[in-house]
Amino acid sequence: MFVLLQVYPPEAADRDDECCCLDVIAVAPSEAELERFLVDYEPRYQAACREFDAWDADLFGDWTEEHDHF
């Protein structure tokens, strides 16, 4: 069995989350099948990352000191 995991950095965890941050993206009976899945998945993942970055950049423009919480 082969598994494709998405591992997140520790800062992505909720402060109450004591588990590591990861998602199971796919499970396959062979490495070859998982590689085929990855070939289709990677372009969609890259597009989603670009879309999120564009959305996130728009939010930053409205951020001021009043939004900072210390």
C-alpha atoms as a PDB file:
ATOM      1  CA  MET A   1       0.000   0.000   0.000  1.00  0.00           C
ATOM      2  CA  PHE A   2       1.288   3.449  -0.924  1.00  0.00           C
ATOM      3  CA  VAL A   3      -0.005   6.751   0.443  1.00  0.00           C
ATOM      4  CA  LEU A   4       0.375  10.326  -0.765  1.00  0.00           C
ATOM      5  CA  LEU A   5       0.392  12.712   2.207  1.00  0.00           C
ATOM      6  CA  GLN A   6       0.125  16.492   2.445  1.00  0.00           C
ATOM      7  CA  VAL A   7       2.252  17.612   5.399  1.00  0.00           C
ATOM      8  CA  TYR A   8       1.639  21.101   6.788  1.00  0.00           C
ATOM      9  CA  PRO A   9       4.082  23.248   8.771  1.00  0.00           C
ATOM     10  CA  PRO A  10       3.545  23.335  12.560  1.00  0.00           C
ATOM     11  CA  GLU A  11       2.194  26.898  12.433  1.00  0.00           C
ATOM     12  CA  ALA A  12      -0.792  25.616  10.436  1.00  0.00           C
ATOM     13  CA  ALA A  13      -2.080  23.722  13.483  1.00  0.00           C
ATOM     14  CA  ASP A  14      -4.836  25.026  15.692  1.00  0.00           C
ATOM     15  CA  ARG A  15      -3.392  26.012  19.034  1.00  0.00           C
ATOM     16  CA  ASP A  16      -5.373  23.189  20.680  1.00  0.00           C
ATOM     17  CA  ASP A  17      -4.280  20.640  18.055  1.00  0.00           C
ATOM     18  CA  GLU A  18      -1.765  18.243  19.564  1.00  0.00           C
ATOM     19  CA  CYS A  19      -1.562  16.060  16.453  1.00  0.00           C
ATOM     20  CA  CYS A  20       0.727  16.679  13.534  1.00  0.00           C
ATOM     21  CA  CYS A  21      -0.779  18.406  10.553  1.00  0.00           C
ATOM     22  CA  LEU A  22      -1.274  16.126   7.592  1.00  0.00           C
ATOM     23  CA  ASP A  23      -3.907  14.983   5.151  1.00  0.00           C
ATOM     24  CA  VAL A  24      -4.103  11.752   3.201  1.00  0.00           C
ATOM     25  CA  ILE A  25      -4.440  12.744  -0.448  1.00  0.00           C
ATOM     26  CA  ALA A  26      -4.494   9.270  -2.027  1.00  0.00           C
ATOM     27  CA  VAL A  27      -4.033   5.589  -1.229  1.00  0.00           C
ATOM     28  CA  ALA A  28      -2.983   3.114  -3.922  1.00  0.00           C
ATOM     29  CA  PRO A  29      -2.047  -0.568  -4.012  1.00  0.00           C
ATOM     30  CA  SER A  30       1.097   0.097  -6.086  1.00  0.00           C
ATOM     31  CA  GLU A  31       3.685   2.815  -6.412  1.00  0.00           C
ATOM     32  CA  ALA A  32       3.010   3.016 -10.164  1.00  0.00           C
ATOM     33  CA  GLU A  33      -0.684   3.713  -9.580  1.00  0.00           C
ATOM     34  CA  LEU A  34       0.144   6.404  -7.034  1.00  0.00           C
ATOM     35  CA  GLU A  35       2.597   7.975  -9.496  1.00  0.00           C
ATOM     36  CA  ARG A  36      -0.148   8.085 -12.159  1.00  0.00           C
ATOM     37  CA  PHE A  37      -2.456   9.805  -9.667  1.00  0.00           C
ATOM     38  CA  LEU A  38       0.287  12.302  -8.825  1.00  0.00           C
ATOM     39  CA  VAL A  39       0.779  13.199 -12.504  1.00  0.00           C
ATOM     40  CA  ASP A  40      -2.890  14.273 -12.665  1.00  0.00           C
ATOM     41  CA  TYR A  41      -2.985  15.789  -9.171  1.00  0.00           C
ATOM     42  CA  GLU A  42       0.111  18.004  -9.282  1.00  0.00           C
ATOM     43  CA  PRO A  43      -1.111  20.501 -11.943  1.00  0.00           C
ATOM     44  CA  ARG A  44      -4.403  20.925 -10.053  1.00  0.00           C
ATOM     45  CA  TYR A  45      -2.492  21.451  -6.801  1.00  0.00           C
ATOM     46  CA  GLN A  46      -0.195  24.051  -8.386  1.00  0.00           C
ATOM     47  CA  ALA A  47      -3.214  25.902  -9.845  1.00  0.00           C
ATOM     48  CA  ALA A  48      -4.919  25.893  -6.442  1.00  0.00           C
ATOM     49  CA  CYS A  49      -1.757  27.287  -4.807  1.00  0.00           C
ATOM     50  CA  ARG A  50      -1.579  30.110  -7.365  1.00  0.00           C
ATOM     51  CA  GLU A  51      -5.258  30.897  -6.849  1.00  0.00           C
ATOM     52  CA  PHE A  52      -4.842  30.973  -3.065  1.00  0.00           C
ATOM     53  CA  ASP A  53      -1.757  33.202  -3.310  1.00  0.00           C
ATOM     54  CA  ALA A  54      -3.683  35.663  -5.493  1.00  0.00           C
ATOM     55  CA  TRP A  55      -6.576  35.693  -3.014  1.00  0.00           C
ATOM     56  CA  ASP A  56      -4.196  36.091  -0.066  1.00  0.00           C
ATOM     57  CA  ALA A  57      -2.356  38.979  -1.743  1.00  0.00           C
ATOM     58  CA  ASP A  58      -5.643  40.857  -2.146  1.00  0.00           C
ATOM     59  CA  LEU A  59      -6.345  40.516   1.574  1.00  0.00           C
ATOM     60  CA  PHE A  60      -2.938  41.875   2.529  1.00  0.00           C
ATOM     61  CA  GLY A  61      -3.684  45.211   0.864  1.00  0.00           C
ATOM     62  CA  ASP A  62      -6.496  45.868   3.368  1.00  0.00           C
ATOM     63  CA  TRP A  63      -4.405  44.880   6.408  1.00  0.00           C
ATOM     64  CA  THR A  64      -3.548  47.723   8.785  1.00  0.00           C
ATOM     65  CA  GLU A  65      -2.050  48.018  12.262  1.00  0.00           C
ATOM     66  CA  GLU A  66      -5.519  47.827  13.796  1.00  0.00           C
ATOM     67  CA  HIS A  67      -5.733  44.210  12.583  1.00  0.00           C
ATOM     68  CA  ASP A  68      -2.520  43.186  14.340  1.00  0.00           C
ATOM     69  CA  HIS A  69      -3.046  41.339  17.576  1.00  0.00           C
ATOM     70  CA  PHE A  70      -0.236  41.005  20.056  1.00  0.00           C
END
